[in-house]
Protein backbone atom coordinates (compact mmCIF):
# COMPACT_ATOMS: atom_id res chain seq x y z
CA UNK A 1 0.00 0.00 0.00
CA UNK A 2 2.77 2.42 0.83
CA UNK A 3 6.28 2.25 -0.46
CA UNK A 4 8.71 1.37 2.34
CA UNK A 5 7.85 1.40 6.00
CA UNK A 6 10.52 3.98 6.91
CA UNK A 7 10.05 6.31 3.93
CA UNK A 8 9.28 9.95 4.34
CA UNK A 9 5.97 11.05 2.76
CA UNK A 10 7.70 12.57 -0.28
CA UNK A 11 9.53 9.25 -0.96
CA UNK A 12 6.37 7.12 -1.11
CA UNK A 13 5.14 6.01 -4.49
CA UNK A 14 2.02 7.79 -5.74
CA UNK A 15 0.22 4.52 -6.45
CA UNK A 16 -1.89 1.98 -4.60
CA UNK A 17 -1.41 -1.68 -5.44
CA UNK A 18 -4.56 -3.73 -6.02
CA UNK A 19 -5.52 -7.32 -5.23
CA UNK A 20 -2.57 -9.76 -5.25
CA UNK A 21 -0.11 -7.53 -7.08
CA UNK A 22 3.46 -6.97 -5.89
CA UNK A 23 5.70 -4.13 -7.08
CA UNK A 24 9.44 -4.81 -6.85
CA UNK A 25 12.66 -2.97 -7.63
CA UNK A 26 15.35 -5.06 -9.28
CA UNK A 27 18.54 -5.32 -7.27
CA UNK A 28 20.91 -5.34 -10.22
CA UNK A 29 20.39 -4.48 -13.82
CA UNK A 30 21.29 -6.47 -16.85
CA UNK A 31 24.96 -6.59 -17.64
CA UNK A 32 28.13 -8.05 -16.27
CA UNK A 33 28.05 -9.89 -12.98
CA UNK A 34 30.54 -11.72 -10.78
CA UNK A 35 30.44 -15.34 -9.73
CA UNK A 36 30.87 -16.35 -6.10
CA UNK A 37 34.56 -16.96 -6.83
CA UNK A 38 35.04 -13.49 -8.29
CA UNK A 39 35.01 -14.43 -11.99
CA UNK A 40 33.56 -11.71 -14.23
CA UNK A 41 30.69 -13.06 -16.35
CA UNK A 42 29.87 -10.87 -19.38
CA UNK A 43 26.28 -9.90 -20.17
CA UNK A 44 26.47 -11.83 -23.45
CA UNK A 45 27.28 -15.16 -21.75
CA UNK A 46 24.69 -17.83 -22.42
CA UNK A 47 23.07 -19.10 -19.26
CA UNK A 48 20.08 -21.25 -18.55
CA UNK A 49 16.92 -19.92 -17.03
CA UNK A 50 18.18 -17.65 -14.25
CA UNK A 51 16.00 -16.30 -11.44
CA UNK A 52 16.65 -12.83 -9.99
CA UNK A 53 16.32 -11.13 -6.60
CA UNK A 54 14.37 -7.92 -6.09
CA UNK A 55 13.17 -5.76 -3.21
CA UNK A 56 9.43 -5.47 -2.56
CA UNK A 57 8.34 -1.83 -2.75
CA UNK A 58 4.54 -2.12 -2.46
CA UNK A 59 1.89 -4.85 -2.13
CA UNK A 60 -1.84 -5.12 -2.77
CA UNK A 61 -4.40 -5.73 -0.02
CA UNK A 62 -4.72 -9.47 -0.80
CA UNK A 63 -0.99 -10.24 -0.59
CA UNK A 64 -0.36 -12.51 2.40
CA UNK A 65 3.27 -13.67 2.40
CA UNK A 66 5.40 -10.64 1.52
CA UNK A 67 5.77 -7.14 2.92
CA UNK A 68 7.52 -4.01 1.65
CA UNK A 69 11.23 -4.35 2.32
CA UNK A 70 11.38 -8.14 1.76
CA UNK A 71 13.65 -9.64 -0.88
CA UNK A 72 11.93 -11.95 -3.34
CA UNK A 73 13.11 -14.40 -5.98
CA UNK A 74 11.31 -14.26 -9.32
CA UNK A 75 11.69 -15.18 -12.99
CA UNK A 76 12.75 -12.06 -14.92
CA UNK A 77 11.26 -13.46 -18.12
CA UNK A 78 7.72 -13.43 -16.64
CA UNK A 79 7.47 -9.75 -15.77
CA UNK A 80 5.68 -6.54 -16.59
CA UNK A 81 7.83 -3.44 -16.26
CA UNK A 82 6.51 -0.04 -15.23
CA UNK A 83 8.17 3.33 -14.67
CA UNK A 84 7.09 5.57 -11.78
CA UNK A 85 8.78 8.94 -11.26
CA UNK A 86 11.63 7.96 -13.54
CA UNK A 87 12.42 4.69 -11.71
CA UNK A 88 11.83 1.28 -13.28
CA UNK A 89 9.88 -1.36 -11.34
CA UNK A 90 8.55 -4.84 -12.04
CA UNK A 91 4.87 -5.65 -11.44
CA UNK A 92 3.77 -9.23 -10.79
CA UNK A 93 1.29 -11.42 -8.98
CA UNK A 94 2.17 -12.88 -5.60
CA UNK A 95 1.90 -16.41 -7.02
CA UNK A 96 4.71 -15.62 -9.49
CA UNK A 97 7.23 -15.26 -6.66
CA UNK A 98 9.46 -18.27 -5.98
CA UNK A 99 10.93 -17.38 -2.57
CA UNK A 100 10.95 -14.67 0.09
CA UNK A 101 13.94 -13.64 2.22
CA UNK A 102 13.16 -11.45 5.23
CA UNK A 103 14.61 -10.71 8.65
CA UNK A 104 11.32 -11.68 10.30
CA UNK A 105 11.95 -15.36 9.34
CA UNK A 106 15.32 -15.41 11.09
CA UNK A 107 15.41 -17.44 14.28
CA UNK A 108 12.24 -19.46 13.71
CA UNK A 109 12.70 -23.18 14.40
CA UNK A 110 11.98 -24.52 10.93
CA UNK A 111 13.30 -21.61 8.92
CA UNK A 112 16.23 -21.70 6.52
CA UNK A 113 15.93 -17.93 6.21
CA UNK A 114 13.88 -18.30 3.04
CA UNK A 115 10.16 -18.86 2.62
CA UNK A 116 9.91 -21.33 -0.28
C-alpha atoms as a PDB file:
ATOM      1  CA  UNK A   1       0.000   0.000   0.000  1.00  0.00           C
ATOM      2  CA  UNK A   2       2.773   2.423   0.827  1.00  0.00           C
ATOM      3  CA  UNK A   3       6.285   2.246  -0.461  1.00  0.00           C
ATOM      4  CA  UNK A   4       8.709   1.367   2.340  1.00  0.00           C
ATOM      5  CA  UNK A   5       7.854   1.396   6.001  1.00  0.00           C
ATOM      6  CA  UNK A   6      10.525   3.982   6.906  1.00  0.00           C
ATOM      7  CA  UNK A   7      10.052   6.307   3.926  1.00  0.00           C
ATOM      8  CA  UNK A   8       9.280   9.948   4.337  1.00  0.00           C
ATOM      9  CA  UNK A   9       5.974  11.046   2.764  1.00  0.00           C
ATOM     10  CA  UNK A  10       7.698  12.570  -0.277  1.00  0.00           C
ATOM     11  CA  UNK A  11       9.535   9.252  -0.959  1.00  0.00           C
ATOM     12  CA  UNK A  12       6.372   7.123  -1.108  1.00  0.00           C
ATOM     13  CA  UNK A  13       5.136   6.012  -4.486  1.00  0.00           C
ATOM     14  CA  UNK A  14       2.019   7.794  -5.742  1.00  0.00           C
ATOM     15  CA  UNK A  15       0.225   4.520  -6.455  1.00  0.00           C
ATOM     16  CA  UNK A  16      -1.886   1.979  -4.601  1.00  0.00           C
ATOM     17  CA  UNK A  17      -1.410  -1.678  -5.441  1.00  0.00           C
ATOM     18  CA  UNK A  18      -4.555  -3.729  -6.023  1.00  0.00           C
ATOM     19  CA  UNK A  19      -5.520  -7.324  -5.228  1.00  0.00           C
ATOM     20  CA  UNK A  20      -2.571  -9.762  -5.253  1.00  0.00           C
ATOM     21  CA  UNK A  21      -0.108  -7.526  -7.081  1.00  0.00           C
ATOM     22  CA  UNK A  22       3.461  -6.975  -5.891  1.00  0.00           C
ATOM     23  CA  UNK A  23       5.696  -4.131  -7.077  1.00  0.00           C
ATOM     24  CA  UNK A  24       9.440  -4.808  -6.854  1.00  0.00           C
ATOM     25  CA  UNK A  25      12.660  -2.968  -7.634  1.00  0.00           C
ATOM     26  CA  UNK A  26      15.349  -5.059  -9.278  1.00  0.00           C
ATOM     27  CA  UNK A  27      18.544  -5.322  -7.275  1.00  0.00           C
ATOM     28  CA  UNK A  28      20.914  -5.337 -10.218  1.00  0.00           C
ATOM     29  CA  UNK A  29      20.392  -4.482 -13.823  1.00  0.00           C
ATOM     30  CA  UNK A  30      21.288  -6.473 -16.853  1.00  0.00           C
ATOM     31  CA  UNK A  31      24.957  -6.586 -17.637  1.00  0.00           C
ATOM     32  CA  UNK A  32      28.129  -8.050 -16.269  1.00  0.00           C
ATOM     33  CA  UNK A  33      28.048  -9.892 -12.978  1.00  0.00           C
ATOM     34  CA  UNK A  34      30.543 -11.718 -10.783  1.00  0.00           C
ATOM     35  CA  UNK A  35      30.437 -15.337  -9.732  1.00  0.00           C
ATOM     36  CA  UNK A  36      30.869 -16.346  -6.100  1.00  0.00           C
ATOM     37  CA  UNK A  37      34.556 -16.965  -6.831  1.00  0.00           C
ATOM     38  CA  UNK A  38      35.037 -13.488  -8.293  1.00  0.00           C
ATOM     39  CA  UNK A  39      35.010 -14.431 -11.991  1.00  0.00           C
ATOM     40  CA  UNK A  40      33.559 -11.708 -14.227  1.00  0.00           C
ATOM     41  CA  UNK A  41      30.687 -13.057 -16.353  1.00  0.00           C
ATOM     42  CA  UNK A  42      29.868 -10.870 -19.384  1.00  0.00           C
ATOM     43  CA  UNK A  43      26.275  -9.899 -20.168  1.00  0.00           C
ATOM     44  CA  UNK A  44      26.469 -11.828 -23.449  1.00  0.00           C
ATOM     45  CA  UNK A  45      27.283 -15.160 -21.750  1.00  0.00           C
ATOM     46  CA  UNK A  46      24.687 -17.826 -22.419  1.00  0.00           C
ATOM     47  CA  UNK A  47      23.069 -19.095 -19.261  1.00  0.00           C
ATOM     48  CA  UNK A  48      20.082 -21.255 -18.555  1.00  0.00           C
ATOM     49  CA  UNK A  49      16.925 -19.920 -17.031  1.00  0.00           C
ATOM     50  CA  UNK A  50      18.176 -17.654 -14.249  1.00  0.00           C
ATOM     51  CA  UNK A  51      16.002 -16.299 -11.443  1.00  0.00           C
ATOM     52  CA  UNK A  52      16.648 -12.830  -9.994  1.00  0.00           C
ATOM     53  CA  UNK A  53      16.320 -11.132  -6.603  1.00  0.00           C
ATOM     54  CA  UNK A  54      14.375  -7.917  -6.086  1.00  0.00           C
ATOM     55  CA  UNK A  55      13.169  -5.756  -3.211  1.00  0.00           C
ATOM     56  CA  UNK A  56       9.432  -5.468  -2.560  1.00  0.00           C
ATOM     57  CA  UNK A  57       8.339  -1.832  -2.750  1.00  0.00           C
ATOM     58  CA  UNK A  58       4.538  -2.118  -2.463  1.00  0.00           C
ATOM     59  CA  UNK A  59       1.893  -4.848  -2.135  1.00  0.00           C
ATOM     60  CA  UNK A  60      -1.837  -5.116  -2.772  1.00  0.00           C
ATOM     61  CA  UNK A  61      -4.396  -5.731  -0.021  1.00  0.00           C
ATOM     62  CA  UNK A  62      -4.715  -9.475  -0.799  1.00  0.00           C
ATOM     63  CA  UNK A  63      -0.987 -10.244  -0.592  1.00  0.00           C
ATOM     64  CA  UNK A  64      -0.360 -12.511   2.401  1.00  0.00           C
ATOM     65  CA  UNK A  65       3.267 -13.670   2.396  1.00  0.00           C
ATOM     66  CA  UNK A  66       5.402 -10.644   1.525  1.00  0.00           C
ATOM     67  CA  UNK A  67       5.769  -7.139   2.918  1.00  0.00           C
ATOM     68  CA  UNK A  68       7.522  -4.015   1.651  1.00  0.00           C
ATOM     69  CA  UNK A  69      11.230  -4.346   2.324  1.00  0.00           C
ATOM     70  CA  UNK A  70      11.377  -8.141   1.764  1.00  0.00           C
ATOM     71  CA  UNK A  71      13.655  -9.641  -0.878  1.00  0.00           C
ATOM     72  CA  UNK A  72      11.932 -11.952  -3.345  1.00  0.00           C
ATOM     73  CA  UNK A  73      13.115 -14.401  -5.979  1.00  0.00           C
ATOM     74  CA  UNK A  74      11.305 -14.256  -9.319  1.00  0.00           C
ATOM     75  CA  UNK A  75      11.687 -15.176 -12.989  1.00  0.00           C
ATOM     76  CA  UNK A  76      12.746 -12.056 -14.918  1.00  0.00           C
ATOM     77  CA  UNK A  77      11.264 -13.459 -18.121  1.00  0.00           C
ATOM     78  CA  UNK A  78       7.724 -13.426 -16.641  1.00  0.00           C
ATOM     79  CA  UNK A  79       7.470  -9.754 -15.771  1.00  0.00           C
ATOM     80  CA  UNK A  80       5.681  -6.543 -16.587  1.00  0.00           C
ATOM     81  CA  UNK A  81       7.830  -3.443 -16.264  1.00  0.00           C
ATOM     82  CA  UNK A  82       6.515  -0.045 -15.234  1.00  0.00           C
ATOM     83  CA  UNK A  83       8.168   3.329 -14.669  1.00  0.00           C
ATOM     84  CA  UNK A  84       7.094   5.572 -11.777  1.00  0.00           C
ATOM     85  CA  UNK A  85       8.784   8.937 -11.260  1.00  0.00           C
ATOM     86  CA  UNK A  86      11.635   7.955 -13.540  1.00  0.00           C
ATOM     87  CA  UNK A  87      12.417   4.693 -11.715  1.00  0.00           C
ATOM     88  CA  UNK A  88      11.826   1.284 -13.278  1.00  0.00           C
ATOM     89  CA  UNK A  89       9.876  -1.362 -11.341  1.00  0.00           C
ATOM     90  CA  UNK A  90       8.545  -4.844 -12.041  1.00  0.00           C
ATOM     91  CA  UNK A  91       4.872  -5.650 -11.439  1.00  0.00           C
ATOM     92  CA  UNK A  92       3.771  -9.229 -10.792  1.00  0.00           C
ATOM     93  CA  UNK A  93       1.286 -11.424  -8.981  1.00  0.00           C
ATOM     94  CA  UNK A  94       2.169 -12.883  -5.597  1.00  0.00           C
ATOM     95  CA  UNK A  95       1.900 -16.410  -7.021  1.00  0.00           C
ATOM     96  CA  UNK A  96       4.712 -15.620  -9.495  1.00  0.00           C
ATOM     97  CA  UNK A  97       7.232 -15.258  -6.659  1.00  0.00           C
ATOM     98  CA  UNK A  98       9.464 -18.269  -5.984  1.00  0.00           C
ATOM     99  CA  UNK A  99      10.931 -17.376  -2.568  1.00  0.00           C
ATOM    100  CA  UNK A 100      10.952 -14.673   0.093  1.00  0.00           C
ATOM    101  CA  UNK A 101      13.936 -13.637   2.217  1.00  0.00           C
ATOM    102  CA  UNK A 102      13.158 -11.451   5.229  1.00  0.00           C
ATOM    103  CA  UNK A 103      14.614 -10.709   8.648  1.00  0.00           C
ATOM    104  CA  UNK A 104      11.323 -11.682  10.297  1.00  0.00           C
ATOM    105  CA  UNK A 105      11.948 -15.361   9.343  1.00  0.00           C
ATOM    106  CA  UNK A 106      15.324 -15.409  11.086  1.00  0.00           C
ATOM    107  CA  UNK A 107      15.405 -17.439  14.279  1.00  0.00           C
ATOM    108  CA  UNK A 108      12.244 -19.462  13.708  1.00  0.00           C
ATOM    109  CA  UNK A 109      12.700 -23.177  14.395  1.00  0.00           C
ATOM    110  CA  UNK A 110      11.979 -24.522  10.932  1.00  0.00           C
ATOM    111  CA  UNK A 111      13.304 -21.608   8.923  1.00  0.00           C
ATOM    112  CA  UNK A 112      16.230 -21.698   6.525  1.00  0.00           C
ATOM    113  CA  UNK A 113      15.930 -17.935   6.215  1.00  0.00           C
ATOM    114  CA  UNK A 114      13.877 -18.299   3.037  1.00  0.00           C
ATOM    115  CA  UNK A 115      10.157 -18.860   2.615  1.00  0.00           C
ATOM    116  CA  UNK A 116       9.909 -21.328  -0.284  1.00  0.00           C
END
